[in-house]
């Protein structure tokens, strides 16, 4: 028999704020299908600091609802506001089959992104070395092309990464000036101009 398919994890949300007195938590969603992801009984792995009492544990959804257009989740074992406060900022991950296609828009597994060419203005400027996850956003770590021994951290947001083309194995970036190259030293130029002006007086 073949071995079990490889497993990976997909980030689906972050617990951002305790809500009310009964253990509810407001969610920041990283999924296009929250009603399908946060069904009663769904289990999530927690990303929390090692010092947290929740480190290494999972949580199970008891109830998910929308309150004033905000997604709110109730978790087993989180019964009051104090419990909820201890989970604020925790990131929720779900176990997935790494070989299964991602059905949500604009969602990819890390292993799918690693190795993609990074293209700017039609030119390949580097390749994805890894993906780092932080509470505020994800960062793409790009190994620069052309033999440069340098990595660039690219925020994985639509404004900077407008296109991910899995078929072509490439990712298009529109970075701000200075992200991939050093900006000219404007201060030096200003000093030179000031020096010329002073010598003329």
Protein backbone atom coordinates (compact mmCIF):
# COMPACT_ATOMS: atom_id res chain seq x y z
CA UNK A 1 0.00 0.00 0.00
CA UNK A 2 1.12 3.58 -0.61
CA UNK A 3 2.05 5.83 2.25
CA UNK A 4 -0.39 8.35 3.63
CA UNK A 5 -0.48 11.54 1.57
CA UNK A 6 1.72 14.36 2.83
CA UNK A 7 0.03 16.77 5.16
CA UNK A 8 0.43 20.50 5.41
CA UNK A 9 -1.33 23.33 7.18
CA UNK A 10 -3.36 26.24 5.89
CA UNK A 11 -3.79 29.44 7.89
CA UNK A 12 -7.49 30.32 8.14
CA UNK A 13 -7.86 33.02 10.79
CA UNK A 14 -6.60 35.00 13.75
CA UNK A 15 -8.33 35.61 17.07
CA UNK A 16 -8.23 39.38 17.48
CA UNK A 17 -10.45 40.36 20.41
CA UNK A 18 -12.54 38.93 23.21
CA UNK A 19 -16.25 39.60 22.65
CA UNK A 20 -18.70 39.70 25.53
CA UNK A 21 -18.46 37.70 28.75
CA UNK A 22 -19.14 34.15 27.52
CA UNK A 23 -15.81 33.37 25.82
CA UNK A 24 -16.59 34.58 22.31
CA UNK A 25 -13.74 35.84 20.12
CA UNK A 26 -13.80 38.10 17.09
CA UNK A 27 -11.98 36.70 14.06
CA UNK A 28 -9.76 38.12 11.36
CA UNK A 29 -10.43 35.79 8.44
CA UNK A 30 -7.84 34.37 6.05
CA UNK A 31 -10.35 32.16 4.25
CA UNK A 32 -12.97 32.82 1.58
CA UNK A 33 -15.28 30.19 3.10
CA UNK A 34 -15.60 30.98 6.82
CA UNK A 35 -19.01 29.34 7.16
CA UNK A 36 -17.54 26.15 5.72
CA UNK A 37 -14.31 26.29 7.71
CA UNK A 38 -15.70 27.20 11.13
CA UNK A 39 -18.38 24.54 11.44
CA UNK A 40 -19.08 23.06 14.89
CA UNK A 41 -16.49 20.36 15.58
CA UNK A 42 -13.81 21.87 13.33
CA UNK A 43 -10.38 21.54 14.93
CA UNK A 44 -7.59 24.10 14.54
CA UNK A 45 -3.95 24.10 15.55
CA UNK A 46 -2.90 27.20 17.47
CA UNK A 47 0.10 29.38 16.67
CA UNK A 48 0.93 31.12 19.94
CA UNK A 49 4.13 32.05 21.81
CA UNK A 50 5.86 29.22 23.65
CA UNK A 51 5.09 31.00 26.91
CA UNK A 52 1.34 30.76 26.27
CA UNK A 53 -0.65 28.11 28.18
CA UNK A 54 -2.19 27.24 24.79
CA UNK A 55 1.15 26.39 23.17
CA UNK A 56 1.05 22.99 21.46
CA UNK A 57 -2.73 22.70 21.83
CA UNK A 58 -5.66 22.66 19.45
CA UNK A 59 -9.10 24.25 19.73
CA UNK A 60 -12.49 22.99 18.59
CA UNK A 61 -15.28 25.19 17.27
CA UNK A 62 -18.46 25.14 19.33
CA UNK A 63 -20.32 27.83 17.40
CA UNK A 64 -19.63 30.36 14.64
CA UNK A 65 -21.82 33.37 13.90
CA UNK A 66 -21.86 36.84 12.40
CA UNK A 67 -22.53 39.68 14.83
CA UNK A 68 -22.92 43.18 13.37
CA UNK A 69 -21.12 41.93 10.24
CA UNK A 70 -18.15 40.68 12.33
CA UNK A 71 -17.24 36.97 12.42
CA UNK A 72 -17.32 35.59 15.97
CA UNK A 73 -16.35 32.12 17.16
CA UNK A 74 -17.04 30.17 20.36
CA UNK A 75 -14.52 27.45 21.22
CA UNK A 76 -14.79 24.39 23.47
CA UNK A 77 -13.17 25.04 26.83
CA UNK A 78 -13.24 28.82 26.39
CA UNK A 79 -16.14 29.70 28.65
CA UNK A 80 -15.52 33.25 29.85
CA UNK A 81 -13.81 36.48 28.93
CA UNK A 82 -10.62 35.60 30.80
CA UNK A 83 -10.22 32.41 28.76
CA UNK A 84 -10.88 34.36 25.57
CA UNK A 85 -8.34 37.05 26.47
CA UNK A 86 -5.65 34.38 26.79
CA UNK A 87 -6.19 33.47 23.12
CA UNK A 88 -6.12 36.96 21.62
CA UNK A 89 -3.67 37.16 18.67
CA UNK A 90 -3.52 33.38 18.28
CA UNK A 91 -3.42 32.23 14.63
CA UNK A 92 -5.59 29.29 13.57
CA UNK A 93 -4.27 26.62 11.21
CA UNK A 94 -6.11 23.67 9.71
CA UNK A 95 -4.53 20.37 8.69
CA UNK A 96 -4.80 19.71 4.95
CA UNK A 97 -3.78 17.11 2.39
CA UNK A 98 -0.81 18.76 0.66
CA UNK A 99 -1.68 17.02 -2.61
CA UNK A 100 -5.25 18.33 -2.67
CA UNK A 101 -5.96 21.42 -4.75
CA UNK A 102 -6.74 24.64 -2.90
CA UNK A 103 -10.32 25.52 -3.75
CA UNK A 104 -10.36 29.02 -2.26
CA UNK A 105 -9.47 32.07 -4.30
CA UNK A 106 -6.09 33.67 -3.57
CA UNK A 107 -5.03 30.87 -1.22
CA UNK A 108 -1.96 28.70 -1.63
CA UNK A 109 0.07 26.31 0.45
CA UNK A 110 3.62 27.35 1.29
CA UNK A 111 5.09 24.46 -0.69
CA UNK A 112 3.23 25.66 -3.80
CA UNK A 113 4.79 29.12 -3.58
CA UNK A 114 8.36 28.06 -2.81
CA UNK A 115 10.39 27.89 -6.03
CA UNK A 116 8.17 30.23 -8.06
CA UNK A 117 9.96 32.79 -10.23
CA UNK A 118 9.42 36.39 -9.13
CA UNK A 119 8.77 38.66 -12.12
CA UNK A 120 8.90 42.46 -12.19
CA UNK A 121 8.29 44.43 -15.39
CA UNK A 122 8.63 41.22 -17.40
CA UNK A 123 12.04 40.26 -15.95
CA UNK A 124 12.76 37.49 -13.46
CA UNK A 125 14.31 39.17 -10.42
CA UNK A 126 14.42 36.21 -8.07
CA UNK A 127 12.75 33.10 -6.72
CA UNK A 128 10.63 32.35 -3.64
CA UNK A 129 12.85 30.73 -1.01
CA UNK A 130 10.27 30.42 1.76
CA UNK A 131 7.15 31.99 3.27
CA UNK A 132 7.17 33.51 6.76
CA UNK A 133 3.88 33.97 8.62
CA UNK A 134 3.26 36.82 11.04
CA UNK A 135 0.08 38.01 12.76
CA UNK A 136 -0.14 41.14 10.62
CA UNK A 137 0.70 39.60 7.23
CA UNK A 138 2.70 36.97 5.38
CA UNK A 139 6.14 37.70 3.94
CA UNK A 140 7.60 36.11 0.81
CA UNK A 141 11.34 35.60 1.16
CA UNK A 142 12.82 36.15 -2.31
CA UNK A 143 16.31 34.95 -3.23
CA UNK A 144 17.54 37.46 -5.79
CA UNK A 145 18.59 36.30 -9.25
CA UNK A 146 21.91 36.95 -10.97
CA UNK A 147 24.11 35.30 -8.36
CA UNK A 148 23.31 37.91 -5.73
CA UNK A 149 23.65 36.46 -2.26
CA UNK A 150 20.78 38.52 -0.88
CA UNK A 151 17.20 37.94 0.17
CA UNK A 152 14.36 40.43 -0.05
CA UNK A 153 11.25 40.35 2.16
CA UNK A 154 8.13 41.03 0.12
CA UNK A 155 4.78 41.60 1.88
CA UNK A 156 2.30 39.10 0.42
CA UNK A 157 -0.47 41.62 -0.25
CA UNK A 158 -2.47 42.26 -3.41
CA UNK A 159 -1.01 45.74 -3.93
CA UNK A 160 2.52 44.33 -4.22
CA UNK A 161 1.77 40.81 -5.51
CA UNK A 162 -1.10 41.27 -7.97
CA UNK A 163 -0.70 37.93 -9.74
CA UNK A 164 0.22 34.35 -8.84
CA UNK A 165 0.35 32.10 -11.92
CA UNK A 166 0.77 28.50 -10.80
CA UNK A 167 0.57 27.16 -14.35
CA UNK A 168 3.50 29.33 -15.43
CA UNK A 169 5.31 28.83 -12.09
CA UNK A 170 5.69 32.56 -11.59
CA UNK A 171 4.57 35.38 -9.34
CA UNK A 172 4.30 39.00 -10.52
CA UNK A 173 5.36 41.81 -8.19
CA UNK A 174 4.89 45.58 -8.36
CA UNK A 175 7.12 46.62 -5.46
CA UNK A 176 7.66 50.15 -4.18
CA UNK A 177 10.93 51.83 -5.09
CA UNK A 178 13.86 50.60 -3.07
CA UNK A 179 12.49 47.17 -2.18
CA UNK A 180 14.69 45.28 -4.65
CA UNK A 181 17.46 47.85 -5.13
CA UNK A 182 19.17 50.57 -3.20
CA UNK A 183 17.80 54.05 -3.76
CA UNK A 184 20.22 56.78 -4.88
CA UNK A 185 21.75 58.70 -2.02
CA UNK A 186 19.69 61.89 -2.30
CA UNK A 187 21.38 63.35 0.80
CA UNK A 188 24.78 63.14 -0.89
CA UNK A 189 23.43 64.90 -3.97
CA UNK A 190 21.89 67.59 -1.78
CA UNK A 191 25.20 68.08 0.05
CA UNK A 192 27.04 68.49 -3.25
CA UNK A 193 24.54 71.09 -4.43
CA UNK A 194 24.83 72.96 -1.14
CA UNK A 195 28.61 72.92 -1.43
CA UNK A 196 28.48 74.37 -4.96
CA UNK A 197 26.15 77.11 -3.76
CA UNK A 198 28.41 77.97 -0.86
CA UNK A 199 31.54 78.25 -3.04
CA UNK A 200 29.75 80.69 -5.30
CA UNK A 201 28.94 83.15 -2.54
